[in-house]
Protein backbone atom coordinates (compact mmCIF):
# COMPACT_ATOMS: atom_id res chain seq x y z
CA UNK A 1 60.28 18.63 7.65
CA UNK A 2 62.65 21.53 8.10
CA UNK A 3 60.86 22.89 4.66
CA UNK A 4 57.65 22.18 5.97
CA UNK A 5 58.22 24.15 9.37
CA UNK A 6 58.98 26.94 7.69
CA UNK A 7 55.90 27.23 5.53
CA UNK A 8 52.98 29.97 6.70
CA UNK A 9 50.22 28.08 8.72
CA UNK A 10 47.65 28.95 5.71
CA UNK A 11 49.90 27.45 3.55
CA UNK A 12 50.25 24.55 5.65
CA UNK A 13 46.33 24.28 5.89
CA UNK A 14 46.33 24.20 1.84
CA UNK A 15 48.98 21.73 1.63
CA UNK A 16 47.31 19.57 4.12
CA UNK A 17 44.01 20.06 2.81
CA UNK A 18 44.31 19.92 -0.49
CA UNK A 19 46.22 16.43 -0.14
CA UNK A 20 43.16 14.96 1.62
CA UNK A 21 41.00 16.37 -0.86
CA UNK A 22 43.30 15.17 -4.02
CA UNK A 23 43.46 11.43 -2.34
CA UNK A 24 39.68 11.52 -1.43
CA UNK A 25 38.88 12.25 -5.08
CA UNK A 26 41.07 9.93 -6.66
CA UNK A 27 40.23 7.27 -4.24
CA UNK A 28 36.36 8.31 -5.32
CA UNK A 29 37.14 8.16 -8.77
CA UNK A 30 38.89 5.05 -8.45
CA UNK A 31 35.73 2.98 -6.90
CA UNK A 32 33.60 4.67 -9.28
CA UNK A 33 35.28 4.11 -12.17
CA UNK A 34 36.21 0.67 -11.08
CA UNK A 35 32.86 -0.48 -10.56
CA UNK A 36 31.14 1.76 -13.69
CA UNK A 37 33.78 -0.03 -15.75
CA UNK A 38 32.87 -3.23 -14.93
CA UNK A 39 29.36 -2.84 -15.25
CA UNK A 40 29.83 -1.57 -18.29
CA UNK A 41 32.21 -3.67 -20.00
CA UNK A 42 29.84 -6.49 -18.92
CA UNK A 43 27.03 -4.75 -20.53
CA UNK A 44 28.60 -4.02 -23.80
CA UNK A 45 29.89 -7.54 -24.30
CA UNK A 46 26.77 -8.67 -23.69
CA UNK A 47 25.51 -6.40 -25.95
CA UNK A 48 28.03 -7.57 -28.40
CA UNK A 49 27.34 -11.22 -27.89
CA UNK A 50 23.24 -10.64 -27.66
CA UNK A 51 23.97 -8.90 -31.21
CA UNK A 52 25.27 -12.12 -32.69
CA UNK A 53 23.02 -14.09 -31.24
CA UNK A 54 20.17 -12.13 -32.97
CA UNK A 55 21.85 -12.28 -36.16
CA UNK A 56 22.44 -16.26 -35.78
CA UNK A 57 18.93 -17.13 -35.12
CA UNK A 58 17.90 -14.46 -38.52
CA UNK A 59 20.13 -16.73 -40.14
CA UNK A 60 18.95 -19.80 -38.79
CA UNK A 61 15.62 -19.28 -38.54
CA UNK A 62 16.21 -19.02 -43.03
CA UNK A 63 17.90 -22.15 -42.81
CA UNK A 64 15.47 -23.73 -40.84
CA UNK A 65 12.18 -22.16 -43.21
CA UNK A 66 14.14 -23.76 -46.71
CA UNK A 67 14.44 -26.77 -44.76
CA UNK A 68 11.03 -26.77 -44.19
CA UNK A 69 9.83 -26.02 -47.48
CA UNK A 70 11.84 -28.21 -49.38
CA UNK A 71 10.83 -30.74 -47.37
CA UNK A 72 7.42 -30.30 -47.39
CA UNK A 73 7.43 -29.93 -51.28
CA UNK A 74 9.29 -33.31 -51.63
CA UNK A 75 6.72 -34.97 -49.26
CA UNK A 76 3.86 -33.30 -51.44
CA UNK A 77 5.58 -34.86 -54.65
CA UNK A 78 6.42 -38.38 -52.91
CA UNK A 79 2.61 -38.30 -51.65
CA UNK A 80 1.39 -37.33 -55.19
CA UNK A 81 3.59 -40.23 -56.93
CA UNK A 82 2.41 -42.55 -54.42
CA UNK A 83 -1.54 -41.85 -55.14
CA UNK A 84 -1.30 -41.25 -59.02
CA UNK A 85 2.23 -42.79 -59.97
CA UNK A 86 5.10 -40.84 -60.98
CA UNK A 87 5.22 -42.04 -64.68
CA UNK A 88 1.63 -39.97 -64.67
CA UNK A 89 2.85 -37.02 -63.55
CA UNK A 90 3.49 -33.97 -65.68
CA UNK A 91 6.60 -31.62 -65.87
CA UNK A 92 4.36 -28.85 -65.35
CA UNK A 93 3.44 -30.52 -62.04
CA UNK A 94 6.99 -30.48 -60.91
CA UNK A 95 7.61 -26.92 -62.55
CA UNK A 96 4.36 -25.68 -60.29
CA UNK A 97 6.01 -27.36 -57.19
CA UNK A 98 9.45 -25.29 -57.67
CA UNK A 99 7.52 -22.50 -58.70
CA UNK A 100 5.49 -22.65 -55.19
CA UNK A 101 8.74 -23.40 -52.94
CA UNK A 102 9.93 -20.35 -54.61
CA UNK A 103 7.12 -17.94 -53.93
CA UNK A 104 7.49 -19.68 -50.39
CA UNK A 105 10.90 -18.96 -49.72
CA UNK A 106 11.67 -15.43 -48.70
CA UNK A 107 15.17 -15.54 -49.14
CA UNK A 108 15.91 -17.99 -51.82
CA UNK A 109 16.59 -16.81 -55.49
CA UNK A 110 16.94 -20.27 -57.05
CA UNK A 111 15.36 -23.55 -56.98
CA UNK A 112 15.09 -26.82 -59.33
CA UNK A 113 13.96 -30.45 -60.02
CA UNK A 114 16.24 -32.80 -61.13
CA UNK A 115 14.47 -36.13 -62.38
CA UNK A 116 16.46 -38.83 -62.79
CA UNK A 117 14.75 -41.24 -65.13
CA UNK A 118 12.02 -39.54 -66.31
CA UNK A 119 9.24 -40.63 -68.93
CA UNK A 120 10.49 -40.63 -72.53
CA UNK A 121 7.26 -38.12 -72.66
CA UNK A 122 9.10 -35.14 -70.09
CA UNK A 123 12.36 -35.49 -72.09
CA UNK A 124 10.37 -34.13 -75.61
CA UNK A 125 10.12 -30.63 -74.04
CA UNK A 126 13.32 -29.05 -74.97
CA UNK A 127 12.73 -26.51 -72.48
CA UNK A 128 14.04 -28.63 -69.72
CA UNK A 129 16.42 -31.04 -70.91
CA UNK A 130 20.10 -30.36 -70.47
CA UNK A 131 22.73 -30.44 -73.23
CA UNK A 132 23.82 -33.54 -71.55
CA UNK A 133 20.14 -35.17 -71.75
CA UNK A 134 19.55 -34.64 -68.23
CA UNK A 135 15.62 -33.52 -67.16
CA UNK A 136 16.18 -30.40 -64.95
CA UNK A 137 13.77 -27.73 -64.30
CA UNK A 138 15.29 -24.53 -62.71
CA UNK A 139 13.81 -21.32 -61.65
CA UNK A 140 15.08 -17.99 -60.62
CA UNK A 141 12.99 -15.90 -58.59
CA UNK A 142 13.86 -12.28 -59.59
CA UNK A 143 12.30 -11.04 -56.46
CA UNK A 144 11.51 -12.78 -53.25
CA UNK A 145 9.75 -10.30 -51.50
CA UNK A 146 6.63 -10.80 -53.88
CA UNK A 147 4.88 -13.87 -55.22
CA UNK A 148 4.99 -14.53 -59.11
CA UNK A 149 7.75 -12.43 -60.34
CA UNK A 150 9.48 -15.53 -61.19
CA UNK A 151 11.76 -16.35 -64.29
CA UNK A 152 12.58 -20.00 -65.76
CA UNK A 153 16.14 -20.65 -66.52
CA UNK A 154 17.63 -22.93 -69.34
CA UNK A 155 18.55 -26.24 -67.79
CA UNK A 156 22.08 -26.71 -67.15
CA UNK A 157 23.86 -29.68 -66.51
CA UNK A 158 25.87 -28.05 -63.52
CA UNK A 159 22.94 -28.40 -61.04
CA UNK A 160 23.24 -32.33 -61.39
CA UNK A 161 26.79 -31.36 -60.02
CA UNK A 162 25.77 -29.42 -56.92
CA UNK A 163 27.43 -31.26 -53.95
CA UNK A 164 23.90 -31.55 -52.09
CA UNK A 165 22.56 -32.93 -55.22
CA UNK A 166 25.33 -35.73 -55.45
CA UNK A 167 25.45 -36.41 -51.01
CA UNK A 168 21.15 -36.99 -51.76
CA UNK A 169 21.86 -39.38 -54.60
CA UNK A 170 24.54 -41.44 -52.73
CA UNK A 171 22.88 -41.29 -49.64
CA UNK A 172 19.15 -41.65 -50.00
CA UNK A 173 18.67 -44.79 -51.50
CA UNK A 174 19.77 -46.27 -48.51
CA UNK A 175 18.10 -43.49 -46.07
CA UNK A 176 14.90 -42.22 -47.42
CA UNK A 177 14.68 -39.69 -44.34
CA UNK A 178 18.32 -38.00 -45.58
CA UNK A 179 18.78 -34.56 -47.21
CA UNK A 180 21.53 -32.45 -47.57
CA UNK A 181 22.26 -28.89 -46.58
CA UNK A 182 25.73 -28.95 -48.41
CA UNK A 183 28.86 -26.63 -47.35
CA UNK A 184 29.03 -23.31 -49.45
CA UNK A 185 30.02 -23.98 -53.18
CA UNK A 186 30.49 -21.93 -56.05
CA UNK A 187 26.61 -22.13 -58.07
CA UNK A 188 25.91 -21.24 -61.40
CA UNK A 189 22.76 -21.79 -62.90
CA UNK A 190 23.55 -21.12 -66.35
CA UNK A 191 22.56 -17.52 -66.61
CA UNK A 192 25.67 -15.76 -66.39
CA UNK A 193 25.57 -15.35 -62.86
CA UNK A 194 27.20 -16.94 -60.37
CA UNK A 195 27.80 -16.68 -56.48
CA UNK A 196 28.49 -18.53 -53.31
CA UNK A 197 25.85 -20.27 -52.15
CA UNK A 198 24.31 -23.61 -50.38
CA UNK A 199 21.72 -25.62 -51.71
CA UNK A 200 19.04 -27.63 -49.50
CA UNK A 201 18.09 -30.66 -51.45
CA UNK A 202 15.56 -33.56 -50.80
CA UNK A 203 15.21 -36.57 -52.48
CA UNK A 204 12.05 -37.56 -54.45
CA UNK A 205 10.56 -41.37 -54.50
CA UNK A 206 7.79 -42.80 -56.75
CA UNK A 207 5.21 -45.11 -55.23
CA UNK A 208 7.76 -47.80 -55.12
CA UNK A 209 9.85 -46.20 -53.10
CA UNK A 210 12.46 -45.99 -55.51
CA UNK A 211 14.48 -42.61 -56.04
CA UNK A 212 13.48 -40.72 -59.32
CA UNK A 213 15.35 -37.37 -58.59
CA UNK A 214 15.84 -34.81 -56.08
CA UNK A 215 14.31 -30.90 -55.38
CA UNK A 216 16.43 -28.42 -54.05
CA UNK A 217 16.70 -24.79 -53.35
CA UNK A 218 19.92 -22.53 -53.35
CA UNK A 219 20.69 -19.69 -51.05
CA UNK A 220 22.72 -16.86 -52.20
CA UNK A 221 24.46 -15.58 -49.30
CA UNK A 222 24.87 -12.21 -51.12
CA UNK A 223 21.45 -11.69 -49.62
CA UNK A 224 23.05 -12.37 -45.94
CA UNK A 225 25.91 -9.71 -46.43
CA UNK A 226 22.99 -7.19 -47.13
CA UNK A 227 21.22 -8.22 -44.49
CA UNK A 228 24.03 -7.81 -42.14
CA UNK A 229 25.16 -4.53 -43.85
CA UNK A 230 21.83 -2.80 -42.95
CA UNK A 231 22.96 0.35 -41.04
CA UNK A 232 20.47 -0.25 -38.66
CA UNK A 233 22.26 -3.49 -37.09
CA UNK A 234 25.39 -1.49 -36.81
CA UNK A 235 26.15 -1.76 -32.89
CA UNK A 236 29.74 -0.55 -32.62
CA UNK A 237 32.01 1.40 -35.24
CA UNK A 238 33.90 -0.19 -37.39
CA UNK A 239 32.58 -3.80 -36.37
CA UNK A 240 32.75 -6.88 -38.78
CA UNK A 241 29.79 -9.37 -39.26
CA UNK A 242 30.74 -12.60 -40.95
CA UNK A 243 29.16 -16.19 -41.63
CA UNK A 244 31.64 -18.64 -41.66
CA UNK A 245 31.38 -22.59 -42.35
CA UNK A 246 32.98 -24.91 -39.85
CA UNK A 247 35.64 -25.54 -41.95
CA UNK A 248 36.93 -21.79 -42.34
CA UNK A 249 35.03 -20.63 -45.63
CA UNK A 250 34.07 -17.12 -45.40
CA UNK A 251 30.86 -16.92 -46.98
CA UNK A 252 29.33 -13.26 -46.09
CA UNK A 253 31.62 -10.64 -45.04
CA UNK A 254 31.37 -6.63 -46.21
CA UNK A 255 34.78 -6.66 -47.75
CA UNK A 256 34.07 -8.77 -51.16
CA UNK A 257 37.48 -9.69 -51.37
CA UNK A 258 37.27 -11.67 -48.41
CA UNK A 259 34.03 -14.22 -49.10
CA UNK A 260 35.11 -17.39 -50.35
CA UNK A 261 38.71 -17.41 -48.47
CA UNK A 262 39.79 -19.31 -45.67
CA UNK A 263 39.30 -17.11 -42.40
CA UNK A 264 41.71 -19.47 -40.70
CA UNK A 265 44.43 -18.49 -43.33
CA UNK A 266 43.81 -15.08 -43.37
CA UNK A 267 44.34 -14.16 -40.06
CA UNK A 268 47.48 -16.04 -38.77
CA UNK A 269 48.35 -13.87 -35.63
CA UNK A 270 48.78 -16.34 -32.60
CA UNK A 271 46.07 -13.72 -30.74
CA UNK A 272 43.04 -15.16 -32.98
CA UNK A 273 43.81 -18.42 -32.92
CA UNK A 274 42.06 -19.09 -29.86
CA UNK A 275 39.01 -17.44 -31.24
CA UNK A 276 39.22 -19.16 -34.80
CA UNK A 277 39.29 -22.43 -33.08
CA UNK A 278 35.82 -21.43 -31.59
CA UNK A 279 34.88 -21.85 -35.12
CA UNK A 280 36.40 -24.96 -35.90
CA UNK A 281 34.81 -26.44 -32.33
CA UNK A 282 31.21 -24.94 -32.95
CA UNK A 283 31.24 -23.21 -30.20
CA UNK A 284 29.29 -20.18 -28.81
CA UNK A 285 31.00 -17.41 -27.10
CA UNK A 286 32.97 -13.81 -26.50
CA UNK A 287 36.68 -13.88 -26.70
CA UNK A 288 38.37 -10.57 -25.38
CA UNK A 289 41.66 -11.33 -26.94
CA UNK A 290 41.09 -11.40 -30.34
CA UNK A 291 43.25 -9.39 -32.94
CA UNK A 292 42.02 -8.49 -36.47
CA UNK A 293 43.79 -8.69 -39.32
CA UNK A 294 44.50 -4.84 -39.34
CA UNK A 295 46.34 -5.35 -35.99
CA UNK A 296 43.67 -3.99 -33.63
CA UNK A 297 42.64 -5.30 -30.44
CA UNK A 298 39.31 -6.04 -30.94
CA UNK A 299 36.42 -8.22 -28.83
CA UNK A 300 35.28 -11.48 -31.39
CA UNK A 301 31.75 -12.88 -30.86
CA UNK A 302 31.18 -16.31 -32.17
CA UNK A 303 27.56 -17.86 -31.95
CA UNK A 304 27.60 -21.46 -33.99
CA UNK A 305 24.75 -23.34 -35.23
CA UNK A 306 24.12 -26.58 -37.34
CA UNK A 307 22.10 -27.52 -39.77
CA UNK A 308 21.17 -30.98 -41.62
CA UNK A 309 23.88 -32.99 -42.42
CA UNK A 310 25.61 -31.96 -39.37
CA UNK A 311 26.81 -28.58 -41.47
CA UNK A 312 27.99 -26.18 -39.14
CA UNK A 313 27.73 -22.23 -39.27
CA UNK A 314 29.58 -19.09 -37.30
CA UNK A 315 28.49 -15.70 -36.96
CA UNK A 316 31.44 -14.18 -36.46
CA UNK A 317 31.21 -10.42 -35.02
CA UNK A 318 34.57 -8.31 -34.54
CA UNK A 319 34.85 -4.88 -33.01
CA UNK A 320 37.56 -2.74 -31.70
CA UNK A 321 38.23 -2.26 -28.23
CA UNK A 322 38.48 1.23 -28.57
CA UNK A 323 35.27 1.38 -30.38
CA UNK A 324 33.20 -1.22 -28.22
CA UNK A 325 34.40 0.35 -24.78
CA UNK A 326 34.14 4.00 -26.20
CA UNK A 327 31.12 4.99 -23.87
CA UNK A 328 33.61 3.69 -20.84
CA UNK A 329 36.55 5.56 -22.41
CA UNK A 330 34.13 8.42 -22.55
CA UNK A 331 32.81 8.17 -18.87
CA UNK A 332 36.25 7.82 -17.29
CA UNK A 333 37.24 11.01 -19.16
CA UNK A 334 33.87 12.78 -17.98
CA UNK A 335 34.82 11.29 -14.39
CA UNK A 336 38.18 12.81 -14.56
CA UNK A 337 37.06 16.04 -16.18
CA UNK A 338 34.44 16.58 -13.44
CA UNK A 339 36.81 15.30 -10.59
CA UNK A 340 39.40 17.81 -11.49
CA UNK A 341 37.15 20.47 -11.94
CA UNK A 342 35.80 19.70 -8.41
CA UNK A 343 39.41 19.59 -7.13
CA UNK A 344 40.01 22.93 -8.38
CA UNK A 345 36.42 24.61 -7.04
CA UNK A 346 37.05 22.67 -3.67
CA UNK A 347 40.63 23.81 -3.55
CA UNK A 348 39.73 27.40 -4.81
CA UNK A 349 37.20 27.70 -1.98
CA UNK A 350 39.50 26.53 0.98
CA UNK A 351 41.97 28.69 -0.38
CA UNK A 352 39.80 31.79 -0.55
CA UNK A 353 38.42 30.40 3.06
CA UNK A 354 42.22 30.10 4.30
CA UNK A 355 43.10 33.39 2.77
CA UNK A 356 40.06 35.39 4.10
CA UNK A 357 39.68 33.77 7.51
CA UNK A 358 43.06 32.96 8.19
CA UNK A 359 46.24 33.65 6.15
CA UNK A 360 45.18 37.06 5.70
CA UNK A 361 44.04 38.02 9.20
CA UNK A 362 47.05 36.10 11.29
CA UNK A 363 50.16 39.06 9.66
CA UNK A 364 47.76 41.54 11.06
CA UNK A 365 47.57 39.97 14.08
CA UNK A 366 51.44 40.01 13.89
CA UNK A 367 52.28 43.37 13.01
CA UNK A 368 49.48 44.27 16.08
CA UNK A 369 51.62 42.36 18.24
CA UNK A 370 54.87 43.61 17.23
CA UNK A 371 53.78 47.24 17.58
CA UNK A 372 51.98 46.54 21.26
CA UNK A 373 55.26 44.82 22.19
CA UNK A 374 57.63 47.55 20.54
CA UNK A 375 55.31 50.11 22.07
CA UNK A 376 55.23 48.61 25.64
CA UNK A 377 59.09 48.41 25.44
CA UNK A 378 59.72 51.99 24.50
CA UNK A 379 60.54 51.06 20.96
CA UNK A 380 57.95 53.27 19.63
CA UNK A 381 55.46 55.58 20.84
CA UNK A 382 52.26 54.97 18.93
CA UNK A 383 50.14 51.55 18.57
CA UNK A 384 46.84 51.05 16.93
CA UNK A 385 43.86 49.11 17.28
CA UNK A 386 43.02 45.69 15.24
CA UNK A 387 39.93 46.42 13.05
CA UNK A 388 37.67 43.44 14.09
CA UNK A 389 35.62 41.72 11.13
CA UNK A 390 34.73 38.64 12.67
CA UNK A 391 33.92 36.99 16.27
CA UNK A 392 35.78 33.76 15.81
CA UNK A 393 38.95 32.98 17.81
CA UNK A 394 41.24 35.30 16.14
CA UNK A 395 38.42 37.95 16.23
CA UNK A 396 38.50 37.28 20.34
CA UNK A 397 42.32 37.53 20.23
CA UNK A 398 42.17 40.75 18.24
CA UNK A 399 39.86 41.94 20.99
CA UNK A 400 41.86 41.05 23.74
CA UNK A 401 44.76 42.54 21.67
CA UNK A 402 42.65 45.85 21.84
CA UNK A 403 42.04 45.74 25.45
CA UNK A 404 45.60 45.15 26.48
CA UNK A 405 46.43 48.51 24.18
CA UNK A 406 43.86 50.44 26.16
CA UNK A 407 44.88 49.05 29.38
CA UNK A 408 48.73 49.61 28.54
CA UNK A 409 48.32 52.66 27.18
CA UNK A 410 46.54 53.76 30.63
CA UNK A 411 49.02 52.00 32.64
CA UNK A 412 52.30 53.61 30.85
CA UNK A 413 50.22 56.87 31.09
CA UNK A 414 49.77 56.89 34.70
CA UNK A 415 53.61 55.70 34.92
CA UNK A 416 54.60 58.63 32.88
CA UNK A 417 52.39 60.95 34.90
CA UNK A 418 54.13 59.51 38.09
CA UNK A 419 57.70 59.44 36.87
CA UNK A 420 56.83 63.38 35.36
CA UNK A 421 55.92 63.94 38.87
CA UNK A 422 58.50 62.73 40.38
CA UNK A 423 60.76 64.46 38.43
CA UNK A 424 59.34 67.87 39.20
CA UNK A 425 59.31 67.04 42.89
CA UNK A 426 62.94 66.15 42.49
CA UNK A 427 64.04 69.00 40.73
CA UNK A 428 62.48 71.26 42.89
CA UNK A 429 64.00 69.74 45.92
CA UNK A 430 67.35 70.33 44.10
CA UNK A 431 66.66 73.96 44.04
CA UNK A 432 66.49 73.85 47.89
CA UNK A 433 62.93 72.82 48.94
CA UNK A 434 61.87 70.11 50.30
CA UNK A 435 58.08 71.19 50.74
CA UNK A 436 56.72 68.92 47.44
CA UNK A 437 55.71 65.21 47.82
CA UNK A 438 55.02 62.69 45.11
CA UNK A 439 50.97 62.31 45.18
CA UNK A 440 50.34 60.35 41.89
CA UNK A 441 50.32 56.71 41.64
CA UNK A 442 51.48 54.53 38.93
CA UNK A 443 50.40 50.98 37.48
CA UNK A 444 53.74 49.72 37.85
CA UNK A 445 53.59 48.65 41.83
CA UNK A 446 58.05 48.98 41.66
CA UNK A 447 57.30 52.68 40.27
CA UNK A 448 54.75 52.74 43.41
CA UNK A 449 57.15 51.37 46.20
CA UNK A 450 60.13 53.95 44.59
CA UNK A 451 57.40 56.78 44.98
CA UNK A 452 56.89 55.99 48.53
CA UNK A 453 60.69 55.73 49.31
CA UNK A 454 61.24 58.80 47.46
CA UNK A 455 58.33 60.55 49.60
CA UNK A 456 59.93 58.96 52.97
CA UNK A 457 63.34 60.21 51.75
CA UNK A 458 61.81 64.14 51.48
CA UNK A 459 60.22 63.49 54.87
CA UNK A 460 63.28 62.60 56.46
CA UNK A 461 65.04 65.50 55.09
CA UNK A 462 62.54 67.68 56.28
CA UNK A 463 62.43 66.71 59.58
CA UNK A 464 66.25 65.98 60.37
CA UNK A 465 67.65 69.60 58.10
CA UNK A 466 64.30 71.85 57.22
CA UNK A 467 62.33 72.45 54.29
CA UNK A 468 64.46 75.91 53.14
CA UNK A 469 68.25 74.67 52.02
CA UNK A 470 68.67 78.11 50.94
CA UNK A 471 67.57 79.87 54.30
CA UNK A 472 69.81 77.49 56.31
CA UNK A 473 73.00 78.12 53.82
CA UNK A 474 72.27 81.74 54.42
CA UNK A 475 72.70 81.26 58.32
CA UNK A 476 76.11 79.10 57.81
CA UNK A 477 77.42 81.84 55.79
CA UNK A 478 76.59 83.91 58.61
CA UNK A 479 77.98 81.91 61.07
CA UNK A 480 81.21 81.48 58.93
CA UNK A 481 81.64 85.03 59.32
CA UNK A 482 81.25 84.77 63.34
CA UNK A 483 78.16 86.66 63.14
CA UNK A 484 75.55 85.11 65.37
CA UNK A 485 72.98 87.64 65.19
CA UNK A 486 71.04 86.21 62.52
CA UNK A 487 68.55 82.84 62.43
CA UNK A 488 66.66 80.52 60.02
CA UNK A 489 63.31 82.11 59.55
CA UNK A 490 60.41 79.60 59.96
CA UNK A 491 62.65 76.87 61.02
CA UNK A 492 61.19 73.52 61.04
CA UNK A 493 63.90 70.68 60.72
CA UNK A 494 66.17 69.85 63.63
CA UNK A 495 69.19 71.55 62.25
CA UNK A 496 67.01 74.74 61.49
CA UNK A 497 65.62 74.69 64.94
CA UNK A 498 69.09 74.48 66.23
CA UNK A 499 70.64 77.13 63.85
């Protein structure tokens, strides 16, 4: 407190006001940032999870459309077989069915019909017979966005070994309603183009309920990757949107090198385990403790859904926290800058106000008081008025000082005049004349009392002795010489009268 006590009043006010303002602004900034941060963080997290739900809904809709088209086409073929007899159907009929299915499926590139034991006449058409003698009709839709742009492919034995085909051939004889949505696999239709895909396969039955074949559509996950990479769908900078099967196979990813790999093996960071376990469990949620493969602290949105055959899929979206929370960081920076600017402005205004109102005026009053006290203590002969610029308390104090300067100046002048006259009377008396008296009055009661005492003394001297001491001395000198013939002229005092 010793240092603080030595500070000037203006400095103390600045320190106190500055401390209060700084504490207030920081408290307000903290409250605002804390509340706004919670809201923005929540809203931003919701944006991430909602966008993932939107992607999942779109992809699930594609899979649902594929399933509906395959099942409806299979149903039409079954009904036709029951009505006309499976042996009476022609290859053209099956061909038109798969062509129609591809035209109706907006996101599917490939389709096929595989008959197990077709009529011998079917095998005569080499356009549909594989090298191993299987009857397979396969087509490629070169432009799934338009109808009719279909290309018939050479029959390929690998189609018969597609996971979905094998699954249907095994289970459909026991469950006629069974159809398969296969897990991701490397598909090839023999046209020199292999891709990671998934097939939806439905069984075909004859009029007796015997399994005679399958029909299927194969989805190329490249289509999903292109959809997810659409710049219009980018929500956060450096976000990654991937489609992962429940067993961890990455089927869609902006990094082509990651496609086909296992997500659980790519990222083995312990801090990523919770989000990755969400994929295994088919969960849906937002994880704020995920660490990406590049080491960035990130958010991970997991939205899972299932297709036929209990095949699980997950839309796995990650985004760095610095990107997701960038608006929050910008807001915090803006609030900090505004707070500092407001703090600087407030302190500047307070500083100018204190300087002009107090700090610059107090020294003037102090100097005036010092000069005034020096004047009344006879340390100086001059004292000046304070120039009054305001009518506040300091202004009133200045006016009081000015009034007292005027009063003190007048009182001192009266006292000076009294002293001057007193000296004149005393000097006149010292010259031997007791005829003058002190007539002026001073402002100091003690001086006035002294004046009265001096006048009384002079009256006593005048009455007891006389007014002209020189004349009295002349007579005394004559008496000393034994000349008693002379006397005091105009004798008034007792001594003068006696002599």
